[in-house]
């Protein structure tokens, strides 16, 4: 019995050994095969990715990139617009400060000239500033911040650093009303400095010029002649600057006043000595 058993065990051991060897060879074959197959699959996927997936991805993401760029440009434009608005506001503020500085400079010059007025024929009653104006087709009036409490009376003369402005026509405790030379209802007696031709002037209606309503002895002035008050009507003091002859016609002439009636700030109310 023993030899038979040994033979059977030996045969079983060979079979097991052969099975193991075959199994190892088979497994190795499949591993090599799968390795090759995986490499092929990977290369295929890679080729598909390069030829299909990448272009598709670029095609899909292109609108997103364009939209993102548009959003970024819009945000930049919005930022620039906001900065531009800030700059415009700053420019407006600077212009306001510039206007205020110019106005203050002009007021200082006017006040300096008024304080330095040394006409011995005039007596200064009050230096007043303009409150408001009442300009219409038929009336050229301004209101001042001084009245009879400041010794201002009706028919007193109003001047500034450039010459005759008008006369006081009404006054109360705190305020006075002055009619301007350009008012058509006001007539003033004037003369020419060059040859003392006498005439009457009144407002022409355009708010800028004076026109002659009477010329003594029909003697016409020349362009550029200087016109001053004559003092003959005893309404205004003598020799106050009025304006310059700007136009001469057959039977009348026009005078451009020295006073800028659109930019009146301060006036002196005066009387003759």
Protein backbone atom coordinates (compact mmCIF):
# COMPACT_ATOMS: atom_id res chain seq x y z
CA UNK A 1 0.00 0.00 0.00
CA UNK A 2 2.76 2.40 0.69
CA UNK A 3 4.27 2.51 -2.80
CA UNK A 4 0.91 3.20 -4.40
CA UNK A 5 0.28 6.05 -2.03
CA UNK A 6 3.67 7.58 -2.78
CA UNK A 7 3.00 7.42 -6.53
CA UNK A 8 -0.33 9.17 -6.13
CA UNK A 9 1.18 11.90 -4.00
CA UNK A 10 3.97 12.42 -6.52
CA UNK A 11 1.52 12.68 -9.41
CA UNK A 12 -0.68 15.14 -7.48
CA UNK A 13 2.36 17.25 -6.72
CA UNK A 14 3.35 17.39 -10.39
CA UNK A 15 -0.17 18.29 -11.42
CA UNK A 16 -0.29 21.08 -8.85
CA UNK A 17 3.11 22.31 -9.94
CA UNK A 18 2.11 22.33 -13.59
CA UNK A 19 -1.12 24.14 -12.77
CA UNK A 20 0.73 26.81 -10.88
CA UNK A 21 3.21 27.29 -13.72
CA UNK A 22 0.45 27.45 -16.32
CA UNK A 23 -1.50 29.88 -14.15
CA UNK A 24 1.54 32.14 -13.76
CA UNK A 25 2.20 32.07 -17.51
CA UNK A 26 -1.44 32.78 -18.29
CA UNK A 27 -1.63 35.61 -15.77
CA UNK A 28 1.58 37.12 -17.13
CA UNK A 29 0.17 36.93 -20.65
CA UNK A 30 -3.01 38.67 -19.65
CA UNK A 31 -1.09 41.31 -17.72
CA UNK A 32 1.07 42.03 -20.76
CA UNK A 33 -2.04 42.07 -22.94
CA UNK A 34 -3.93 44.39 -20.64
CA UNK A 35 -0.90 46.64 -20.38
CA UNK A 36 -0.75 46.98 -24.14
CA UNK A 37 -4.51 47.41 -24.31
CA UNK A 38 -4.47 50.18 -21.64
CA UNK A 39 -1.76 51.99 -23.53
CA UNK A 40 -3.76 51.80 -26.70
CA UNK A 41 -6.92 52.98 -24.95
CA UNK A 42 -5.06 55.84 -23.33
CA UNK A 43 -3.56 56.90 -26.64
CA UNK A 44 -7.00 56.69 -28.22
CA UNK A 45 -8.53 58.80 -25.51
CA UNK A 46 -5.71 61.26 -25.89
CA UNK A 47 -6.24 61.49 -29.64
CA UNK A 48 -9.98 61.88 -29.18
CA UNK A 49 -9.34 64.61 -26.61
CA UNK A 50 -7.03 66.51 -28.93
CA UNK A 51 -9.22 66.15 -31.99
CA UNK A 52 -12.70 66.47 -30.48
CA UNK A 53 -12.80 67.45 -26.84
CA UNK A 54 -10.32 70.35 -26.98
CA UNK A 55 -11.94 72.08 -30.01
CA UNK A 56 -15.37 71.49 -28.51
CA UNK A 57 -14.24 72.95 -25.22
CA UNK A 58 -12.77 75.97 -26.97
CA UNK A 59 -15.97 76.43 -28.96
CA UNK A 60 -18.10 76.25 -25.81
CA UNK A 61 -15.86 78.50 -23.73
CA UNK A 62 -15.33 81.12 -26.49
CA UNK A 63 -18.68 82.92 -25.86
CA UNK A 64 -17.99 82.80 -22.14
CA UNK A 65 -14.61 84.47 -22.68
CA UNK A 66 -16.19 87.07 -24.97
CA UNK A 67 -18.91 87.76 -22.41
CA UNK A 68 -16.31 87.98 -19.63
CA UNK A 69 -14.29 90.46 -21.70
CA UNK A 70 -17.41 92.51 -22.38
CA UNK A 71 -18.25 92.55 -18.68
CA UNK A 72 -14.71 93.63 -17.84
CA UNK A 73 -14.77 96.37 -20.49
CA UNK A 74 -18.18 97.53 -19.25
CA UNK A 75 -16.88 97.71 -15.68
CA UNK A 76 -13.86 99.68 -16.88
CA UNK A 77 -16.12 102.02 -18.87
CA UNK A 78 -18.39 102.43 -15.86
CA UNK A 79 -15.37 103.24 -13.71
CA UNK A 80 -14.10 105.76 -16.27
CA UNK A 81 -17.57 107.31 -16.50
CA UNK A 82 -17.68 107.69 -12.73
CA UNK A 83 -14.20 109.23 -12.69
CA UNK A 84 -15.22 111.56 -15.52
CA UNK A 85 -18.27 112.65 -13.54
CA UNK A 86 -16.07 113.39 -10.54
CA UNK A 87 -13.73 115.43 -12.74
CA UNK A 88 -16.67 117.37 -14.22
CA UNK A 89 -17.97 118.15 -10.73
CA UNK A 90 -14.48 119.27 -9.73
CA UNK A 91 -14.27 121.50 -12.81
CA UNK A 92 -17.66 123.05 -11.92
CA UNK A 93 -16.46 123.71 -8.37
CA UNK A 94 -13.23 125.26 -9.66
CA UNK A 95 -15.18 127.47 -12.09
CA UNK A 96 -17.41 128.64 -9.23
CA UNK A 97 -14.36 129.49 -7.17
CA UNK A 98 -12.83 131.24 -10.18
CA UNK A 99 -16.02 133.25 -10.74
CA UNK A 100 -16.13 134.18 -7.06
CA UNK A 101 -12.47 135.21 -7.12
CA UNK A 102 -13.01 137.37 -10.22
CA UNK A 103 -16.08 138.96 -8.64
CA UNK A 104 -14.22 139.70 -5.42
CA UNK A 105 -11.31 141.14 -7.38
CA UNK A 106 -13.66 143.37 -9.36
CA UNK A 107 -15.45 144.50 -6.20
CA UNK A 108 -12.14 145.33 -4.56
CA UNK A 109 -11.09 147.41 -7.56
CA UNK A 110 -14.42 149.24 -7.57
CA UNK A 111 -14.25 149.98 -3.87
CA UNK A 112 -10.67 151.19 -4.20
CA UNK A 113 -11.61 153.56 -7.00
CA UNK A 114 -14.64 154.79 -5.06
CA UNK A 115 -12.56 155.41 -1.96
CA UNK A 116 -9.98 157.28 -4.03
CA UNK A 117 -12.55 159.60 -5.65
CA UNK A 118 -11.28 163.17 -5.14
CA UNK A 119 -13.57 165.38 -7.22
CA UNK A 120 -13.71 168.70 -5.39
CA UNK A 121 -17.04 169.57 -7.08
CA UNK A 122 -18.83 166.61 -5.50
CA UNK A 123 -19.91 165.80 -1.98
CA UNK A 124 -20.17 162.09 -1.18
CA UNK A 125 -23.39 161.21 0.64
CA UNK A 126 -23.26 157.42 0.70
CA UNK A 127 -21.61 154.46 -1.00
CA UNK A 128 -24.29 151.81 -1.58
CA UNK A 129 -24.52 148.42 -3.27
CA UNK A 130 -27.11 147.13 -5.69
CA UNK A 131 -29.85 144.89 -4.28
CA UNK A 132 -31.72 144.06 -7.48
CA UNK A 133 -32.79 145.58 -10.76
CA UNK A 134 -36.09 146.14 -12.53
CA UNK A 135 -35.40 146.12 -16.27
CA UNK A 136 -38.28 146.30 -18.72
CA UNK A 137 -38.73 147.75 -22.21
CA UNK A 138 -39.87 151.06 -20.75
CA UNK A 139 -38.05 151.23 -17.41
CA UNK A 140 -34.41 150.81 -16.38
CA UNK A 141 -34.33 150.89 -12.59
CA UNK A 142 -32.13 149.52 -9.82
CA UNK A 143 -32.60 149.30 -6.04
CA UNK A 144 -29.87 150.18 -3.52
CA UNK A 145 -29.36 149.11 0.09
CA UNK A 146 -29.39 152.67 1.49
CA UNK A 147 -32.22 155.18 2.11
CA UNK A 148 -33.09 158.41 3.83
CA UNK A 149 -31.62 157.08 7.09
CA UNK A 150 -28.32 157.40 5.20
CA UNK A 151 -29.24 160.99 4.16
CA UNK A 152 -30.12 159.96 0.60
CA UNK A 153 -32.81 162.14 -0.97
CA UNK A 154 -34.80 162.21 -4.16
CA UNK A 155 -33.01 163.63 -7.27
CA UNK A 156 -29.53 163.01 -5.89
CA UNK A 157 -26.97 161.83 -8.44
CA UNK A 158 -25.68 158.23 -8.68
CA UNK A 159 -22.20 157.63 -10.08
CA UNK A 160 -19.58 154.90 -10.08
CA UNK A 161 -15.91 154.76 -11.02
CA UNK A 162 -16.75 155.03 -14.74
CA UNK A 163 -19.10 157.99 -14.66
CA UNK A 164 -22.76 158.96 -14.42
CA UNK A 165 -25.19 156.12 -13.66
CA UNK A 166 -28.48 157.90 -13.01
CA UNK A 167 -30.44 159.67 -10.31
CA UNK A 168 -32.47 158.79 -7.24
CA UNK A 169 -36.21 158.86 -7.93
CA UNK A 170 -37.54 157.30 -4.74
CA UNK A 171 -36.27 156.52 -1.25
CA UNK A 172 -37.40 154.98 2.02
CA UNK A 173 -35.67 154.34 5.33
CA UNK A 174 -33.45 151.51 4.13
CA UNK A 175 -33.56 151.53 0.33
CA UNK A 176 -33.47 153.82 -2.68
CA UNK A 177 -34.51 153.46 -6.30
CA UNK A 178 -32.28 154.81 -9.06
CA UNK A 179 -33.32 155.43 -12.66
CA UNK A 180 -30.52 154.63 -15.10
CA UNK A 181 -29.31 156.81 -17.96
CA UNK A 182 -30.51 154.18 -20.43
CA UNK A 183 -34.13 154.65 -19.36
CA UNK A 184 -36.02 156.30 -22.30
CA UNK A 185 -37.94 158.56 -19.90
CA UNK A 186 -34.80 160.20 -18.46
CA UNK A 187 -33.27 163.17 -20.29
CA UNK A 188 -29.91 164.69 -19.38
CA UNK A 189 -28.24 167.86 -20.52
CA UNK A 190 -24.77 167.19 -21.92
CA UNK A 191 -21.93 168.86 -23.78
CA UNK A 192 -18.94 167.76 -25.82
CA UNK A 193 -15.50 168.22 -24.30
CA UNK A 194 -13.98 169.18 -27.67
CA UNK A 195 -16.12 172.21 -28.61
CA UNK A 196 -18.88 172.33 -25.94
CA UNK A 197 -21.77 171.52 -28.27
CA UNK A 198 -24.84 171.23 -26.02
CA UNK A 199 -27.50 168.60 -26.42
CA UNK A 200 -30.12 166.52 -24.63
CA UNK A 201 -29.74 162.74 -24.41
CA UNK A 202 -32.15 159.99 -23.40
CA UNK A 203 -32.22 156.21 -23.51
CA UNK A 204 -32.53 154.83 -27.03
CA UNK A 205 -34.64 151.85 -25.98
CA UNK A 206 -32.02 149.15 -26.57
CA UNK A 207 -30.71 149.43 -23.03
CA UNK A 208 -27.17 150.14 -24.26
CA UNK A 209 -27.06 153.53 -26.02
CA UNK A 210 -28.21 157.10 -25.52
CA UNK A 211 -29.68 159.08 -28.39
CA UNK A 212 -29.86 162.86 -28.85
CA UNK A 213 -33.31 164.41 -28.61
CA UNK A 214 -32.15 168.02 -29.07
CA UNK A 215 -28.99 169.56 -30.53
CA UNK A 216 -28.31 173.27 -29.93
CA UNK A 217 -27.66 175.17 -33.18
CA UNK A 218 -27.82 171.83 -35.04
CA UNK A 219 -24.07 171.29 -34.72
CA UNK A 220 -23.27 167.60 -35.02
CA UNK A 221 -20.44 165.96 -33.05
CA UNK A 222 -17.72 163.73 -34.44
CA UNK A 223 -17.31 160.03 -33.84
CA UNK A 224 -15.34 159.43 -30.66
CA UNK A 225 -16.17 162.78 -29.04
CA UNK A 226 -16.37 162.60 -25.23
CA UNK A 227 -19.71 163.60 -23.70
CA UNK A 228 -20.06 165.01 -20.15
CA UNK A 229 -22.87 166.58 -18.16
CA UNK A 230 -23.34 170.27 -18.85
CA UNK A 231 -24.88 171.20 -15.49
CA UNK A 232 -27.22 173.68 -17.22
CA UNK A 233 -30.41 171.93 -16.14
CA UNK A 234 -29.17 171.80 -12.54
CA UNK A 235 -30.24 168.16 -12.30
CA UNK A 236 -26.76 166.64 -12.42
CA UNK A 237 -23.44 168.12 -11.34
CA UNK A 238 -21.30 169.55 -14.14
CA UNK A 239 -18.58 167.63 -15.98
CA UNK A 240 -19.57 164.08 -15.01
CA UNK A 241 -18.44 161.55 -17.61
CA UNK A 242 -21.35 160.22 -19.68
CA UNK A 243 -19.97 158.41 -22.73
CA UNK A 244 -18.51 158.54 -26.21
CA UNK A 245 -20.20 159.37 -29.53
CA UNK A 246 -20.54 156.04 -31.37
CA UNK A 247 -22.78 156.91 -34.31
CA UNK A 248 -23.77 160.12 -36.13
CA UNK A 249 -26.82 160.43 -38.39
CA UNK A 250 -28.32 163.35 -40.28
CA UNK A 251 -30.30 164.84 -37.40
CA UNK A 252 -29.22 162.84 -34.37
CA UNK A 253 -26.29 161.00 -32.83
CA UNK A 254 -25.81 158.06 -30.48
CA UNK A 255 -23.64 157.83 -27.37
CA UNK A 256 -22.22 154.67 -25.83
CA UNK A 257 -22.10 155.22 -22.04
CA UNK A 258 -18.86 154.60 -20.15
CA UNK A 259 -20.80 152.79 -17.42
CA UNK A 260 -21.43 149.09 -17.93
CA UNK A 261 -25.04 148.98 -16.81
CA UNK A 262 -25.13 145.18 -16.90
CA UNK A 263 -22.40 144.95 -14.24
CA UNK A 264 -23.20 147.49 -11.57
CA UNK A 265 -22.15 146.52 -8.06
CA UNK A 266 -21.52 149.69 -6.07
CA UNK A 267 -22.65 153.30 -6.50
CA UNK A 268 -21.84 156.61 -4.90
CA UNK A 269 -24.71 158.93 -4.16
CA UNK A 270 -23.35 162.48 -4.51
CA UNK A 271 -24.43 166.11 -4.63
CA UNK A 272 -22.74 169.25 -5.85
CA UNK A 273 -20.60 171.17 -3.39
